Amino acid sequence: MGKNVFFENLKRLIDQKIFVSIFTDIYRESFIGYIIRISEDLLLLYSYEIGKPNGIKIFRLDDITRIRWGTKELDEIESLISLPPNLEAINKITMDNKAVAIKQVQNIFGYVTIHIQSIDKSICFIGEIVEMDDETIIINEFGTIDSQGRAFLLIALQDITRIDSGGIYEEQLLQLYQRRRKSD
């Protein structure tokens, strides 16, 4: 598919607010939702899981293998949901590059989830940015709900395959840590 057909159709999907499935076959994953923004390298999806809002996901365009829309299944799911309430804030994410996107996600949500799927599709780290430049990020990682441990983690930006925030699990984890901070 040529770049013009690709970007023209992505823009149409955004403008017409068409509900889609996005496939990243290399990681054997698919996600449903609305494409909110695109750049030369990145795509921002407001995602849903089982008909409930599940935050944003920012993909590298190179990882997306297919985008599907117009199916009966997608139409039925869409009839049960509504557009995200904080779309105005999400639209401010410019996605000039990964570093900019990560900083903007942190500013909106107060944390960021970073995926390193090239090693293992289940590897992700949720936390707050401590320091960052064009090549490296250090986050103060939230442990799992079970462990509730904190750690600092240094990650090369080139290894990051997806950026998420606002998901159901992440928001519950953030609330837990906020409560913990208040009681400390």
C-alpha atoms as a PDB file:
ATOM      1  CA  MET A   1       0.000   0.000   0.000  1.00  0.00           C
ATOM      2  CA  GLY A   2       1.474   3.355  -0.992  1.00  0.00           C
ATOM      3  CA  LYS A   3       2.119   6.119   1.539  1.00  0.00           C
ATOM      4  CA  ASN A   4      -0.518   8.357  -0.054  1.00  0.00           C
ATOM      5  CA  VAL A   5      -3.270   5.722   0.118  1.00  0.00           C
ATOM      6  CA  PHE A   6      -2.157   4.811   3.632  1.00  0.00           C
ATOM      7  CA  PHE A   7      -2.139   8.358   5.042  1.00  0.00           C
ATOM      8  CA  GLU A   8      -5.197   9.502   3.090  1.00  0.00           C
ATOM      9  CA  ASN A   9      -7.239   6.652   4.551  1.00  0.00           C
ATOM     10  CA  LEU A  10      -5.888   7.160   8.053  1.00  0.00           C
ATOM     11  CA  LYS A  11      -6.900  10.819   7.861  1.00  0.00           C
ATOM     12  CA  ARG A  12     -10.362   9.800   6.645  1.00  0.00           C
ATOM     13  CA  LEU A  13     -10.729   7.335   9.540  1.00  0.00           C
ATOM     14  CA  ILE A  14      -9.796  10.147  11.951  1.00  0.00           C
ATOM     15  CA  ASP A  15     -12.003  12.815  10.369  1.00  0.00           C
ATOM     16  CA  GLN A  16     -15.039  10.543  10.167  1.00  0.00           C
ATOM     17  CA  LYS A  17     -14.416   9.045  13.644  1.00  0.00           C
ATOM     18  CA  ILE A  18     -14.590   5.505  12.312  1.00  0.00           C
ATOM     19  CA  PHE A  19     -14.232   2.655  14.822  1.00  0.00           C
ATOM     20  CA  VAL A  20     -11.364   0.337  13.808  1.00  0.00           C
ATOM     21  CA  SER A  21      -9.327  -2.744  14.660  1.00  0.00           C
ATOM     22  CA  ILE A  22      -5.561  -2.310  14.535  1.00  0.00           C
ATOM     23  CA  PHE A  23      -3.322  -5.327  14.157  1.00  0.00           C
ATOM     24  CA  THR A  24       0.330  -5.614  15.127  1.00  0.00           C
ATOM     25  CA  ASP A  25       0.899  -9.136  13.872  1.00  0.00           C
ATOM     26  CA  ILE A  26       4.582  -9.177  14.774  1.00  0.00           C
ATOM     27  CA  TYR A  27       3.475  -9.059  18.430  1.00  0.00           C
ATOM     28  CA  ARG A  28       0.289 -11.080  17.794  1.00  0.00           C
ATOM     29  CA  GLU A  29      -1.960  -8.317  19.110  1.00  0.00           C
ATOM     30  CA  SER A  30      -5.009  -6.413  18.002  1.00  0.00           C
ATOM     31  CA  PHE A  31      -6.790  -3.427  19.490  1.00  0.00           C
ATOM     32  CA  ILE A  32     -10.092  -1.690  18.832  1.00  0.00           C
ATOM     33  CA  GLY A  33     -10.925   1.992  19.070  1.00  0.00           C
ATOM     34  CA  TYR A  34     -10.728   5.362  17.371  1.00  0.00           C
ATOM     35  CA  ILE A  35      -7.599   6.645  15.676  1.00  0.00           C
ATOM     36  CA  ILE A  36      -7.121  10.110  17.151  1.00  0.00           C
ATOM     37  CA  ARG A  37      -3.847  11.353  15.640  1.00  0.00           C
ATOM     38  CA  ILE A  38      -1.073  10.264  13.307  1.00  0.00           C
ATOM     39  CA  SER A  39       2.398  11.510  12.480  1.00  0.00           C
ATOM     40  CA  GLU A  40       5.009  10.272  10.029  1.00  0.00           C
ATOM     41  CA  ASP A  41       6.032   7.536  12.487  1.00  0.00           C
ATOM     42  CA  LEU A  42       3.322   7.167  15.141  1.00  0.00           C
ATOM     43  CA  LEU A  43      -0.401   6.485  15.485  1.00  0.00           C
ATOM     44  CA  LEU A  44      -2.501   7.308  18.560  1.00  0.00           C
ATOM     45  CA  LEU A  45      -5.512   5.084  19.239  1.00  0.00           C
ATOM     46  CA  TYR A  46      -8.127   5.627  21.937  1.00  0.00           C
ATOM     47  CA  SER A  47      -8.779   1.994  22.780  1.00  0.00           C
ATOM     48  CA  TYR A  48     -11.647  -0.034  24.145  1.00  0.00           C
ATOM     49  CA  GLU A  49     -11.688  -3.462  25.707  1.00  0.00           C
ATOM     50  CA  ILE A  50     -14.909  -5.426  26.041  1.00  0.00           C
ATOM     51  CA  GLY A  51     -16.792  -2.245  25.155  1.00  0.00           C
ATOM     52  CA  LYS A  52     -15.187  -0.173  27.938  1.00  0.00           C
ATOM     53  CA  PRO A  53     -12.684   2.691  27.486  1.00  0.00           C
ATOM     54  CA  ASN A  54      -9.128   1.429  27.990  1.00  0.00           C
ATOM     55  CA  GLY A  55      -6.982   4.529  27.522  1.00  0.00           C
ATOM     56  CA  ILE A  56      -4.611   5.486  24.740  1.00  0.00           C
ATOM     57  CA  LYS A  57      -2.064   3.491  22.829  1.00  0.00           C
ATOM     58  CA  ILE A  58       0.641   5.015  20.670  1.00  0.00           C
ATOM     59  CA  PHE A  59       2.049   2.653  18.057  1.00  0.00           C
ATOM     60  CA  ARG A  60       4.989   2.877  15.707  1.00  0.00           C
ATOM     61  CA  LEU A  61       3.421   2.870  12.232  1.00  0.00           C
ATOM     62  CA  ASP A  62       5.984   0.288  11.114  1.00  0.00           C
ATOM     63  CA  ASP A  63       4.505  -2.208  13.613  1.00  0.00           C
ATOM     64  CA  ILE A  64       0.940  -1.918  12.275  1.00  0.00           C
ATOM     65  CA  THR A  65       0.220  -4.584   9.691  1.00  0.00           C
ATOM     66  CA  ARG A  66      -3.519  -4.094   9.129  1.00  0.00           C
ATOM     67  CA  ILE A  67      -6.383  -1.794   9.996  1.00  0.00           C
ATOM     68  CA  ARG A  68      -9.935  -3.083   9.632  1.00  0.00           C
ATOM     69  CA  TRP A  69     -13.228  -1.182   9.773  1.00  0.00           C
ATOM     70  CA  GLY A  70     -16.813  -1.546   8.627  1.00  0.00           C
ATOM     71  CA  THR A  71     -17.449  -5.009  10.059  1.00  0.00           C
ATOM     72  CA  LYS A  72     -20.687  -6.001  11.751  1.00  0.00           C
ATOM     73  CA  GLU A  73     -18.768  -6.884  14.933  1.00  0.00           C
ATOM     74  CA  LEU A  74     -17.075  -3.465  15.111  1.00  0.00           C
ATOM     75  CA  ASP A  75     -20.379  -1.699  14.394  1.00  0.00           C
ATOM     76  CA  GLU A  76     -22.072  -3.604  17.239  1.00  0.00           C
ATOM     77  CA  ILE A  77     -19.273  -2.795  19.702  1.00  0.00           C
ATOM     78  CA  GLU A  78     -19.314   0.864  18.668  1.00  0.00           C
ATOM     79  CA  SER A  79     -23.066   1.075  19.265  1.00  0.00           C
ATOM     80  CA  LEU A  80     -22.398   0.311  22.945  1.00  0.00           C
ATOM     81  CA  ILE A  81     -19.715   2.954  23.518  1.00  0.00           C
ATOM     82  CA  SER A  82     -19.121   6.674  23.225  1.00  0.00           C
ATOM     83  CA  LEU A  83     -16.161   8.833  22.264  1.00  0.00           C
ATOM     84  CA  PRO A  84     -13.647   9.417  25.057  1.00  0.00           C
ATOM     85  CA  PRO A  85     -14.540  12.256  27.435  1.00  0.00           C
ATOM     86  CA  ASN A  86     -10.979  13.693  27.595  1.00  0.00           C
ATOM     87  CA  LEU A  87     -10.502  13.871  23.836  1.00  0.00           C
ATOM     88  CA  GLU A  88      -9.504  17.526  24.012  1.00  0.00           C
ATOM     89  CA  ALA A  89      -6.430  16.756  26.148  1.00  0.00           C
ATOM     90  CA  ILE A  90      -5.545  13.716  24.048  1.00  0.00           C
ATOM     91  CA  ASN A  91      -5.697  15.809  20.858  1.00  0.00           C
ATOM     92  CA  LYS A  92      -2.856  17.932  22.257  1.00  0.00           C
ATOM     93  CA  ILE A  93      -0.423  15.023  21.956  1.00  0.00           C
ATOM     94  CA  THR A  94       1.605  16.083  18.902  1.00  0.00           C
ATOM     95  CA  MET A  95       3.641  12.891  18.495  1.00  0.00           C
ATOM     96  CA  ASP A  96       6.555  14.621  16.760  1.00  0.00           C
ATOM     97  CA  ASN A  97       8.665  11.700  17.987  1.00  0.00           C
ATOM     98  CA  LYS A  98       8.627   9.122  20.777  1.00  0.00           C
ATOM     99  CA  ALA A  99      10.336  11.396  23.295  1.00  0.00           C
ATOM    100  CA  VAL A 100       7.819  14.207  22.758  1.00  0.00           C
ATOM    101  CA  ALA A 101       4.873  11.776  22.875  1.00  0.00           C
ATOM    102  CA  ILE A 102       6.096  10.223  26.129  1.00  0.00           C
ATOM    103  CA  LYS A 103       6.481  13.632  27.795  1.00  0.00           C
ATOM    104  CA  GLN A 104       3.034  14.744  26.646  1.00  0.00           C
ATOM    105  CA  VAL A 105       1.395  11.515  27.828  1.00  0.00           C
ATOM    106  CA  GLN A 106       3.102  11.961  31.224  1.00  0.00           C
ATOM    107  CA  ASN A 107       1.802  15.552  31.419  1.00  0.00           C
ATOM    108  CA  ILE A 108      -1.788  14.514  30.663  1.00  0.00           C
ATOM    109  CA  PHE A 109      -2.065  11.311  32.692  1.00  0.00           C
ATOM    110  CA  GLY A 110       0.634  11.754  35.353  1.00  0.00           C
ATOM    111  CA  TYR A 111       2.404   8.535  34.353  1.00  0.00           C
ATOM    112  CA  VAL A 112       3.285   6.540  31.262  1.00  0.00           C
ATOM    113  CA  THR A 113       3.304   2.859  30.320  1.00  0.00           C
ATOM    114  CA  ILE A 114       6.229   1.809  28.157  1.00  0.00           C
ATOM    115  CA  HIS A 115       6.230  -1.446  26.181  1.00  0.00           C
ATOM    116  CA  ILE A 116       9.337  -3.251  24.940  1.00  0.00           C
ATOM    117  CA  GLN A 117       7.610  -5.908  22.848  1.00  0.00           C
ATOM    118  CA  SER A 118      10.604  -6.841  20.681  1.00  0.00           C
ATOM    119  CA  ILE A 119      12.003  -8.800  23.621  1.00  0.00           C
ATOM    120  CA  ASP A 120       8.682 -10.157  24.866  1.00  0.00           C
ATOM    121  CA  LYS A 121       5.230  -8.796  24.035  1.00  0.00           C
ATOM    122  CA  SER A 122       4.230  -8.838  27.703  1.00  0.00           C
ATOM    123  CA  ILE A 123       7.080  -6.572  28.871  1.00  0.00           C
ATOM    124  CA  CYS A 124       5.800  -3.201  30.011  1.00  0.00           C
ATOM    125  CA  PHE A 125       6.715  -0.733  32.695  1.00  0.00           C
ATOM    126  CA  ILE A 126       4.340   1.754  34.315  1.00  0.00           C
ATOM    127  CA  GLY A 127       5.738   4.779  36.080  1.00  0.00           C
ATOM    128  CA  GLU A 128       6.600   8.449  36.271  1.00  0.00           C
ATOM    129  CA  ILE A 129       9.332  10.084  34.217  1.00  0.00           C
ATOM    130  CA  VAL A 130      12.311  11.103  36.332  1.00  0.00           C
ATOM    131  CA  GLU A 131      14.690  12.177  33.579  1.00  0.00           C
ATOM    132  CA  MET A 132      14.791  11.952  29.816  1.00  0.00           C
ATOM    133  CA  ASP A 133      16.714  13.002  26.732  1.00  0.00           C
ATOM    134  CA  ASP A 134      16.508  12.055  23.034  1.00  0.00           C
ATOM    135  CA  GLU A 135      17.977   8.576  23.626  1.00  0.00           C
ATOM    136  CA  THR A 136      17.182   7.489  27.178  1.00  0.00           C
ATOM    137  CA  ILE A 137      14.392   7.636  29.737  1.00  0.00           C
ATOM    138  CA  ILE A 138      14.508   6.974  33.468  1.00  0.00           C
ATOM    139  CA  ILE A 139      11.189   6.216  35.131  1.00  0.00           C
ATOM    140  CA  ASN A 140      10.225   5.671  38.750  1.00  0.00           C
ATOM    141  CA  GLU A 141       8.386   2.443  38.088  1.00  0.00           C
ATOM    142  CA  PHE A 142       5.216   1.392  39.875  1.00  0.00           C
ATOM    143  CA  GLY A 143       5.307  -2.226  40.926  1.00  0.00           C
ATOM    144  CA  THR A 144       2.308  -4.453  40.332  1.00  0.00           C
ATOM    145  CA  ILE A 145      -0.822  -4.145  42.435  1.00  0.00           C
ATOM    146  CA  ASP A 146       0.367  -7.236  44.330  1.00  0.00           C
ATOM    147  CA  SER A 147       3.994  -6.166  44.924  1.00  0.00           C
ATOM    148  CA  GLN A 148       3.458  -2.393  45.317  1.00  0.00           C
ATOM    149  CA  GLY A 149       7.240  -2.013  44.989  1.00  0.00           C
ATOM    150  CA  ARG A 150       8.950   1.005  43.414  1.00  0.00           C
ATOM    151  CA  ALA A 151      12.164   1.006  41.403  1.00  0.00           C
ATOM    152  CA  PHE A 152      14.066   3.259  39.039  1.00  0.00           C
ATOM    153  CA  LEU A 153      14.467   1.974  35.517  1.00  0.00           C
ATOM    154  CA  LEU A 154      16.657   3.250  32.653  1.00  0.00           C
ATOM    155  CA  ILE A 155      15.396   2.389  29.135  1.00  0.00           C
ATOM    156  CA  ALA A 156      16.709   3.213  25.660  1.00  0.00           C
ATOM    157  CA  LEU A 157      14.028   5.060  23.664  1.00  0.00           C
ATOM    158  CA  GLN A 158      14.855   3.020  20.546  1.00  0.00           C
ATOM    159  CA  ASP A 159      13.673  -0.134  22.364  1.00  0.00           C
ATOM    160  CA  ILE A 160      10.210   1.273  23.122  1.00  0.00           C
ATOM    161  CA  THR A 161       7.584  -0.214  20.810  1.00  0.00           C
ATOM    162  CA  ARG A 162       4.366   1.186  22.303  1.00  0.00           C
ATOM    163  CA  ILE A 163       3.300   3.901  24.732  1.00  0.00           C
ATOM    164  CA  ASP A 164       0.056   3.564  26.721  1.00  0.00           C
ATOM    165  CA  SER A 165      -1.799   5.456  29.425  1.00  0.00           C
ATOM    166  CA  GLY A 166      -5.277   5.762  30.870  1.00  0.00           C
ATOM    167  CA  GLY A 167      -6.044   2.034  30.813  1.00  0.00           C
ATOM    168  CA  ILE A 168      -8.209   0.350  33.437  1.00  0.00           C
ATOM    169  CA  TYR A 169      -5.335  -1.484  35.192  1.00  0.00           C
ATOM    170  CA  GLU A 170      -3.005   1.518  34.999  1.00  0.00           C
ATOM    171  CA  GLU A 171      -5.590   3.868  36.496  1.00  0.00           C
ATOM    172  CA  GLN A 172      -6.260   1.454  39.378  1.00  0.00           C
ATOM    173  CA  LEU A 173      -2.513   1.203  40.004  1.00  0.00           C
ATOM    174  CA  LEU A 174      -2.154   4.998  39.971  1.00  0.00           C
ATOM    175  CA  GLN A 175      -5.008   5.369  42.488  1.00  0.00           C
ATOM    176  CA  LEU A 176      -3.333   2.827  44.760  1.00  0.00           C
ATOM    177  CA  TYR A 177      -0.035   4.732  44.677  1.00  0.00           C
ATOM    178  CA  GLN A 178      -1.743   8.085  45.202  1.00  0.00           C
ATOM    179  CA  ARG A 179      -3.522   6.723  48.288  1.00  0.00           C
ATOM    180  CA  ARG A 180      -0.245   5.305  49.515  1.00  0.00           C
ATOM    181  CA  ARG A 181       1.510   8.687  49.080  1.00  0.00           C
ATOM    182  CA  LYS A 182      -1.207  10.431  51.109  1.00  0.00           C
ATOM    183  CA  SER A 183      -0.859   7.951  53.968  1.00  0.00           C
ATOM    184  CA  ASP A 184       2.982   8.161  54.058  1.00  0.00           C
END
